[in-house]
């Protein structure tokens, strides 16, 4: 399980090890991860954590262009920069280069009732600290 703290809220997410094993393994190498999440520019209702040209050695895996609220995807780079996207509402994942598909590697299972509030926070108040840490099951 993954604990996420952002904008004064706490969430628990399930790592999608069966559907995205390589992406989960690459993400685990980044843990614990402390960063800032900002509102997306082109994708709709989601937060975005950019990683620039970070190469995680990944290709498409359990990829989606339309993550649902609470789904977390990792775009491994290519057409656009490497990034993590956390959906809090309707999303059509895209960049200035066009449509993107990100690897769905985690799903929030606790705290979903606060997703929209978190989204409003980073939309109206700007970048928020975000921390990801794995916890025992």
N, C-alpha and C. Protein backbone atom coordinates (compact mmCIF):
# COMPACT_ATOMS: atom_id res chain seq x y z
N UNK A 1 0.84 -1.18 0.00
CA UNK A 1 0.00 0.00 0.00
C UNK A 1 0.89 1.25 0.00
N UNK A 2 0.31 2.31 -0.48
CA UNK A 2 1.02 3.56 -0.63
C UNK A 2 0.30 4.62 0.18
N UNK A 3 1.02 5.34 1.02
CA UNK A 3 0.46 6.47 1.76
C UNK A 3 0.83 7.74 1.01
N UNK A 4 -0.15 8.61 0.84
CA UNK A 4 0.06 9.87 0.12
C UNK A 4 -0.45 11.00 1.02
N UNK A 5 0.39 12.01 1.21
CA UNK A 5 -0.01 13.21 1.95
C UNK A 5 0.16 14.39 1.01
N UNK A 6 -0.91 15.18 0.88
CA UNK A 6 -0.84 16.35 -0.02
C UNK A 6 -1.89 17.36 0.39
N UNK A 7 -1.50 18.62 0.42
CA UNK A 7 -2.45 19.71 0.66
C UNK A 7 -3.25 19.58 1.93
N UNK A 8 -2.70 18.92 2.95
CA UNK A 8 -3.41 18.75 4.21
C UNK A 8 -4.31 17.53 4.25
N UNK A 9 -4.28 16.71 3.21
CA UNK A 9 -5.11 15.51 3.12
C UNK A 9 -4.21 14.28 3.10
N UNK A 10 -4.79 13.15 3.54
CA UNK A 10 -4.08 11.88 3.50
C UNK A 10 -4.89 10.86 2.70
N UNK A 11 -4.18 10.06 1.93
CA UNK A 11 -4.80 9.05 1.07
C UNK A 11 -4.02 7.74 1.20
N UNK A 12 -4.70 6.64 0.93
CA UNK A 12 -4.07 5.34 0.83
C UNK A 12 -4.36 4.82 -0.57
N UNK A 13 -3.32 4.33 -1.24
CA UNK A 13 -3.48 3.81 -2.60
C UNK A 13 -2.97 2.37 -2.68
N UNK A 14 -3.63 1.62 -3.55
CA UNK A 14 -3.20 0.25 -3.86
C UNK A 14 -2.27 0.31 -5.06
N UNK A 15 -1.12 -0.32 -4.95
CA UNK A 15 -0.22 -0.42 -6.10
C UNK A 15 -0.74 -1.51 -7.02
N UNK A 16 -0.81 -1.23 -8.31
CA UNK A 16 -1.37 -2.15 -9.30
C UNK A 16 -0.27 -3.09 -9.80
N UNK A 17 0.22 -3.94 -8.90
CA UNK A 17 1.36 -4.81 -9.20
C UNK A 17 1.07 -5.85 -10.28
N UNK A 18 -0.17 -6.32 -10.39
CA UNK A 18 -0.51 -7.33 -11.39
C UNK A 18 -0.55 -6.71 -12.79
N UNK A 19 -1.17 -5.53 -12.91
CA UNK A 19 -1.36 -4.91 -14.23
C UNK A 19 -0.19 -4.05 -14.68
N UNK A 20 0.64 -3.58 -13.75
CA UNK A 20 1.74 -2.68 -14.10
C UNK A 20 2.98 -2.99 -13.27
N UNK A 21 3.49 -4.23 -13.32
CA UNK A 21 4.62 -4.60 -12.45
C UNK A 21 5.89 -3.80 -12.70
N UNK A 22 6.23 -3.52 -13.94
CA UNK A 22 7.46 -2.78 -14.22
C UNK A 22 7.34 -1.32 -13.75
N UNK A 23 6.16 -0.73 -13.93
CA UNK A 23 5.95 0.65 -13.50
C UNK A 23 5.96 0.75 -11.99
N UNK A 24 5.33 -0.20 -11.30
CA UNK A 24 5.35 -0.21 -9.84
C UNK A 24 6.79 -0.35 -9.35
N UNK A 25 7.57 -1.24 -9.95
CA UNK A 25 8.97 -1.41 -9.55
C UNK A 25 9.77 -0.13 -9.75
N UNK A 26 9.57 0.55 -10.88
CA UNK A 26 10.28 1.80 -11.15
C UNK A 26 9.87 2.88 -10.15
N UNK A 27 8.58 2.95 -9.83
CA UNK A 27 8.09 3.94 -8.87
C UNK A 27 8.67 3.67 -7.49
N UNK A 28 8.73 2.40 -7.11
CA UNK A 28 9.29 2.05 -5.79
C UNK A 28 10.73 2.54 -5.64
N UNK A 29 11.47 2.56 -6.74
CA UNK A 29 12.86 3.04 -6.67
C UNK A 29 12.93 4.54 -6.35
N UNK A 30 11.84 5.26 -6.55
CA UNK A 30 11.79 6.69 -6.25
C UNK A 30 11.39 6.98 -4.81
N UNK A 31 10.90 5.95 -4.09
CA UNK A 31 10.36 6.14 -2.75
C UNK A 31 11.45 6.21 -1.69
N UNK A 32 11.22 6.96 -0.60
CA UNK A 32 10.09 7.87 -0.44
C UNK A 32 10.25 9.06 -1.37
N UNK A 33 9.14 9.52 -1.90
CA UNK A 33 9.16 10.61 -2.88
C UNK A 33 8.50 11.84 -2.27
N UNK A 34 9.24 12.93 -2.24
CA UNK A 34 8.72 14.22 -1.79
C UNK A 34 8.84 15.18 -2.96
N UNK A 35 7.73 15.83 -3.30
CA UNK A 35 7.72 16.74 -4.43
C UNK A 35 6.63 17.79 -4.22
N UNK A 36 6.26 18.43 -5.31
CA UNK A 36 5.15 19.39 -5.32
C UNK A 36 4.23 19.00 -6.46
N UNK A 37 2.93 19.13 -6.21
CA UNK A 37 1.93 18.82 -7.23
C UNK A 37 1.23 20.10 -7.62
N UNK A 38 1.06 20.29 -8.92
CA UNK A 38 0.38 21.47 -9.44
C UNK A 38 -0.76 21.03 -10.34
N UNK A 39 -1.65 21.96 -10.64
CA UNK A 39 -2.77 21.62 -11.51
C UNK A 39 -2.28 21.45 -12.94
N UNK A 40 -2.87 20.46 -13.64
CA UNK A 40 -2.50 20.22 -15.03
C UNK A 40 -2.90 21.40 -15.91
N UNK A 41 -2.28 21.46 -17.09
CA UNK A 41 -2.57 22.54 -18.03
C UNK A 41 -3.56 22.12 -19.11
N UNK A 42 -3.45 20.88 -19.60
CA UNK A 42 -4.26 20.47 -20.74
C UNK A 42 -5.20 19.31 -20.45
N UNK A 43 -5.03 18.60 -19.36
CA UNK A 43 -5.68 17.30 -19.17
C UNK A 43 -7.01 17.31 -18.45
N UNK A 44 -7.44 18.41 -17.89
CA UNK A 44 -8.73 18.43 -17.19
C UNK A 44 -8.53 18.55 -15.69
N UNK A 45 -9.16 17.63 -14.93
CA UNK A 45 -9.19 17.71 -13.48
C UNK A 45 -8.17 16.74 -12.88
N UNK A 46 -6.94 17.20 -12.76
CA UNK A 46 -5.86 16.36 -12.26
C UNK A 46 -4.71 17.23 -11.77
N UNK A 47 -3.87 16.60 -10.96
CA UNK A 47 -2.63 17.21 -10.53
C UNK A 47 -1.47 16.57 -11.26
N UNK A 48 -0.37 17.30 -11.34
CA UNK A 48 0.75 16.92 -12.19
C UNK A 48 2.04 17.11 -11.42
N UNK A 49 2.91 16.10 -11.49
CA UNK A 49 4.24 16.19 -10.90
C UNK A 49 5.24 15.95 -12.03
N UNK A 50 5.86 17.02 -12.55
CA UNK A 50 6.80 16.87 -13.67
C UNK A 50 8.17 16.38 -13.21
N UNK A 51 8.78 15.53 -14.03
CA UNK A 51 10.12 15.00 -13.76
C UNK A 51 11.09 15.28 -14.90
N UNK A 52 10.72 16.14 -15.84
CA UNK A 52 11.62 16.50 -16.92
C UNK A 52 12.05 15.31 -17.75
N UNK A 53 13.35 15.18 -17.96
CA UNK A 53 13.86 14.11 -18.83
C UNK A 53 14.27 12.86 -18.06
N UNK A 54 13.76 12.66 -16.85
CA UNK A 54 14.04 11.46 -16.07
C UNK A 54 13.68 10.21 -16.89
N UNK A 55 14.63 9.31 -17.05
CA UNK A 55 14.41 8.07 -17.81
C UNK A 55 14.32 6.91 -16.83
N UNK A 56 13.13 6.34 -16.72
CA UNK A 56 12.90 5.21 -15.83
C UNK A 56 13.00 3.87 -16.56
N UNK A 57 13.31 3.91 -17.85
CA UNK A 57 13.45 2.68 -18.62
C UNK A 57 12.14 1.96 -18.86
N UNK A 58 11.04 2.71 -18.92
CA UNK A 58 9.71 2.12 -19.08
C UNK A 58 9.12 2.40 -20.45
N UNK A 59 8.26 1.51 -20.89
CA UNK A 59 7.41 1.73 -22.04
C UNK A 59 5.97 1.70 -21.57
N UNK A 60 5.02 1.65 -22.50
CA UNK A 60 3.61 1.58 -22.12
C UNK A 60 3.30 0.29 -21.35
N UNK A 61 2.51 0.44 -20.28
CA UNK A 61 2.10 -0.71 -19.46
C UNK A 61 0.82 -0.31 -18.74
N UNK A 62 -0.25 -1.03 -18.98
CA UNK A 62 -1.55 -0.71 -18.39
C UNK A 62 -1.88 0.77 -18.66
N UNK A 63 -1.61 1.20 -19.89
CA UNK A 63 -1.70 2.62 -20.25
C UNK A 63 -3.14 3.05 -20.49
N UNK A 64 -3.42 4.29 -20.12
CA UNK A 64 -4.73 4.88 -20.33
C UNK A 64 -4.59 6.37 -20.66
N UNK A 65 -5.50 6.85 -21.47
CA UNK A 65 -5.61 8.29 -21.77
C UNK A 65 -6.67 8.94 -20.88
N UNK A 66 -7.49 8.10 -20.22
CA UNK A 66 -8.63 8.60 -19.47
C UNK A 66 -8.65 8.04 -18.04
N UNK A 67 -7.68 8.41 -17.20
CA UNK A 67 -7.71 7.91 -15.83
C UNK A 67 -8.93 8.43 -15.08
N UNK A 68 -9.49 7.57 -14.25
CA UNK A 68 -10.65 7.92 -13.43
C UNK A 68 -10.20 8.59 -12.14
N UNK A 69 -11.11 9.28 -11.44
CA UNK A 69 -10.74 9.90 -10.17
C UNK A 69 -10.11 8.88 -9.23
N UNK A 70 -8.96 9.24 -8.66
CA UNK A 70 -8.25 8.38 -7.75
C UNK A 70 -7.21 7.50 -8.41
N UNK A 71 -7.19 7.46 -9.74
CA UNK A 71 -6.17 6.69 -10.43
C UNK A 71 -4.92 7.56 -10.61
N UNK A 72 -3.77 6.92 -10.43
CA UNK A 72 -2.49 7.62 -10.57
C UNK A 72 -1.74 6.97 -11.72
N UNK A 73 -1.30 7.78 -12.66
CA UNK A 73 -0.58 7.27 -13.82
C UNK A 73 0.81 7.89 -13.90
N UNK A 74 1.71 7.14 -14.50
CA UNK A 74 3.07 7.62 -14.72
C UNK A 74 3.32 7.60 -16.23
N UNK A 75 3.61 8.76 -16.77
CA UNK A 75 3.97 8.84 -18.18
C UNK A 75 5.50 8.74 -18.24
N UNK A 76 6.03 7.69 -18.90
CA UNK A 76 7.47 7.44 -18.85
C UNK A 76 8.32 8.32 -19.76
N UNK A 77 7.74 9.31 -20.38
CA UNK A 77 8.50 10.18 -21.27
C UNK A 77 8.39 9.73 -22.71
N UNK A 78 8.91 10.56 -23.57
CA UNK A 78 8.85 10.29 -25.01
C UNK A 78 8.41 11.53 -25.74
N UNK A 79 7.12 11.60 -26.07
CA UNK A 79 6.56 12.76 -26.76
C UNK A 79 6.58 13.98 -25.84
N UNK A 80 6.38 13.76 -24.56
CA UNK A 80 6.38 14.82 -23.56
C UNK A 80 7.32 14.38 -22.43
N UNK A 81 7.44 15.19 -21.40
CA UNK A 81 8.36 14.85 -20.31
C UNK A 81 7.79 13.76 -19.41
N UNK A 82 8.65 13.14 -18.63
CA UNK A 82 8.23 12.15 -17.64
C UNK A 82 7.43 12.88 -16.56
N UNK A 83 6.31 12.26 -16.14
CA UNK A 83 5.46 12.90 -15.15
C UNK A 83 4.56 11.89 -14.47
N UNK A 84 4.05 12.28 -13.31
CA UNK A 84 2.99 11.56 -12.61
C UNK A 84 1.76 12.43 -12.66
N UNK A 85 0.61 11.79 -12.89
CA UNK A 85 -0.66 12.50 -12.94
C UNK A 85 -1.62 11.83 -11.96
N UNK A 86 -2.25 12.63 -11.10
CA UNK A 86 -3.23 12.14 -10.14
C UNK A 86 -4.58 12.74 -10.51
N UNK A 87 -5.51 11.88 -10.95
CA UNK A 87 -6.83 12.35 -11.37
C UNK A 87 -7.73 12.58 -10.17
N UNK A 88 -8.41 13.75 -10.14
CA UNK A 88 -9.40 14.00 -9.09
C UNK A 88 -10.79 14.17 -9.69
N UNK A 89 -10.89 14.22 -11.00
CA UNK A 89 -12.16 14.35 -11.70
C UNK A 89 -11.99 13.84 -13.12
N UNK A 90 -12.68 14.46 -14.06
CA UNK A 90 -12.62 14.04 -15.45
C UNK A 90 -11.28 14.41 -16.08
N UNK A 91 -10.67 13.43 -16.76
CA UNK A 91 -9.34 13.62 -17.34
C UNK A 91 -9.29 13.07 -18.76
N UNK A 92 -8.68 13.85 -19.65
CA UNK A 92 -8.30 13.41 -20.98
C UNK A 92 -6.81 13.77 -21.07
N UNK A 93 -5.95 12.79 -20.75
CA UNK A 93 -4.53 13.03 -20.56
C UNK A 93 -3.88 13.54 -21.84
N UNK A 94 -3.25 14.71 -21.76
CA UNK A 94 -2.66 15.34 -22.94
C UNK A 94 -1.53 16.28 -22.52
N UNK A 95 -0.79 16.71 -23.54
CA UNK A 95 0.27 17.70 -23.35
C UNK A 95 0.23 18.66 -24.52
N UNK A 96 1.16 19.60 -24.57
CA UNK A 96 1.20 20.51 -25.71
C UNK A 96 1.48 19.76 -27.00
N UNK A 97 2.03 18.53 -26.88
CA UNK A 97 2.30 17.71 -28.06
C UNK A 97 1.08 16.88 -28.48
N UNK A 98 0.01 16.89 -27.66
CA UNK A 98 -1.20 16.13 -27.99
C UNK A 98 -1.51 15.06 -26.96
N UNK A 99 -2.35 14.11 -27.36
CA UNK A 99 -2.83 13.03 -26.50
C UNK A 99 -1.68 12.20 -25.93
N UNK A 100 -1.76 11.85 -24.65
CA UNK A 100 -0.78 10.98 -24.00
C UNK A 100 -1.50 9.80 -23.35
N UNK A 101 -0.79 8.71 -23.16
CA UNK A 101 -1.29 7.57 -22.39
C UNK A 101 -0.28 7.31 -21.28
N UNK A 102 -0.77 7.32 -20.04
CA UNK A 102 0.10 7.07 -18.89
C UNK A 102 -0.15 5.70 -18.32
N UNK A 103 0.86 5.16 -17.67
CA UNK A 103 0.78 3.83 -17.06
C UNK A 103 0.05 3.93 -15.72
N UNK A 104 -1.14 3.35 -15.67
CA UNK A 104 -1.93 3.33 -14.42
C UNK A 104 -1.28 2.33 -13.47
N UNK A 105 -0.62 2.86 -12.41
CA UNK A 105 0.14 2.00 -11.51
C UNK A 105 -0.37 2.02 -10.07
N UNK A 106 -1.30 2.92 -9.73
CA UNK A 106 -1.82 2.98 -8.36
C UNK A 106 -3.24 3.55 -8.39
N UNK A 107 -4.04 3.11 -7.40
CA UNK A 107 -5.43 3.57 -7.29
C UNK A 107 -5.71 3.92 -5.84
N UNK A 108 -6.20 5.12 -5.59
CA UNK A 108 -6.54 5.53 -4.24
C UNK A 108 -7.76 4.74 -3.76
N UNK A 109 -7.62 4.14 -2.58
CA UNK A 109 -8.70 3.32 -2.02
C UNK A 109 -9.24 3.89 -0.71
N UNK A 110 -8.52 4.83 -0.11
CA UNK A 110 -8.99 5.52 1.10
C UNK A 110 -8.71 7.00 0.96
N UNK A 111 -9.71 7.81 1.29
CA UNK A 111 -9.56 9.26 1.22
C UNK A 111 -10.15 9.85 -0.05
N UNK A 112 -10.82 9.04 -0.86
CA UNK A 112 -11.38 9.53 -2.13
C UNK A 112 -12.30 10.73 -1.95
N UNK A 113 -12.96 10.80 -0.80
CA UNK A 113 -13.89 11.90 -0.55
C UNK A 113 -13.16 13.25 -0.50
N UNK A 114 -11.84 13.24 -0.39
CA UNK A 114 -11.06 14.49 -0.33
C UNK A 114 -10.36 14.83 -1.65
N UNK A 115 -10.53 13.99 -2.67
CA UNK A 115 -9.83 14.24 -3.94
C UNK A 115 -10.21 15.59 -4.56
N UNK A 116 -11.51 15.88 -4.64
CA UNK A 116 -11.93 17.14 -5.25
C UNK A 116 -11.43 18.33 -4.43
N UNK A 117 -11.44 18.20 -3.11
CA UNK A 117 -10.92 19.29 -2.26
C UNK A 117 -9.44 19.51 -2.52
N UNK A 118 -8.68 18.42 -2.64
CA UNK A 118 -7.25 18.56 -2.97
C UNK A 118 -7.08 19.25 -4.31
N UNK A 119 -7.87 18.84 -5.30
CA UNK A 119 -7.79 19.46 -6.63
C UNK A 119 -8.06 20.95 -6.58
N UNK A 120 -9.09 21.34 -5.83
CA UNK A 120 -9.40 22.77 -5.69
C UNK A 120 -8.25 23.50 -5.01
N UNK A 121 -7.59 22.84 -4.06
CA UNK A 121 -6.48 23.47 -3.36
C UNK A 121 -5.33 23.78 -4.30
N UNK A 122 -4.89 22.79 -5.10
CA UNK A 122 -3.76 23.11 -5.97
C UNK A 122 -4.17 23.91 -7.20
N UNK A 123 -5.46 23.96 -7.51
CA UNK A 123 -5.92 24.84 -8.58
C UNK A 123 -5.91 26.30 -8.11
N UNK A 124 -6.48 26.58 -6.94
CA UNK A 124 -6.67 27.95 -6.50
C UNK A 124 -5.56 28.48 -5.60
N UNK A 125 -4.83 27.59 -4.94
CA UNK A 125 -3.77 28.04 -4.03
C UNK A 125 -2.38 27.75 -4.55
N UNK A 126 -2.27 27.05 -5.68
CA UNK A 126 -0.97 26.77 -6.27
C UNK A 126 -0.37 25.46 -5.80
N UNK A 127 0.91 25.29 -6.13
CA UNK A 127 1.63 24.04 -5.86
C UNK A 127 1.52 23.64 -4.39
N UNK A 128 1.33 22.33 -4.17
CA UNK A 128 1.22 21.77 -2.83
C UNK A 128 2.29 20.71 -2.63
N UNK A 129 2.81 20.63 -1.42
CA UNK A 129 3.75 19.56 -1.09
C UNK A 129 3.01 18.24 -1.19
N UNK A 130 3.69 17.21 -1.71
CA UNK A 130 3.12 15.87 -1.78
C UNK A 130 4.21 14.87 -1.41
N UNK A 131 3.82 13.88 -0.61
CA UNK A 131 4.75 12.86 -0.14
C UNK A 131 4.13 11.49 -0.41
N UNK A 132 4.91 10.61 -1.02
CA UNK A 132 4.51 9.22 -1.25
C UNK A 132 5.45 8.33 -0.44
N UNK A 133 4.88 7.38 0.31
CA UNK A 133 5.69 6.43 1.08
C UNK A 133 4.95 5.09 1.10
N UNK A 134 5.69 4.02 0.91
CA UNK A 134 5.08 2.70 0.96
C UNK A 134 4.95 2.25 2.40
N UNK A 135 3.82 1.60 2.69
CA UNK A 135 3.58 1.08 4.04
C UNK A 135 3.30 -0.41 3.95
N UNK A 136 3.56 -1.15 5.01
CA UNK A 136 3.25 -2.58 5.00
C UNK A 136 1.75 -2.81 4.87
N UNK A 137 1.37 -3.92 4.27
CA UNK A 137 -0.05 -4.24 4.09
C UNK A 137 -0.64 -4.70 5.40
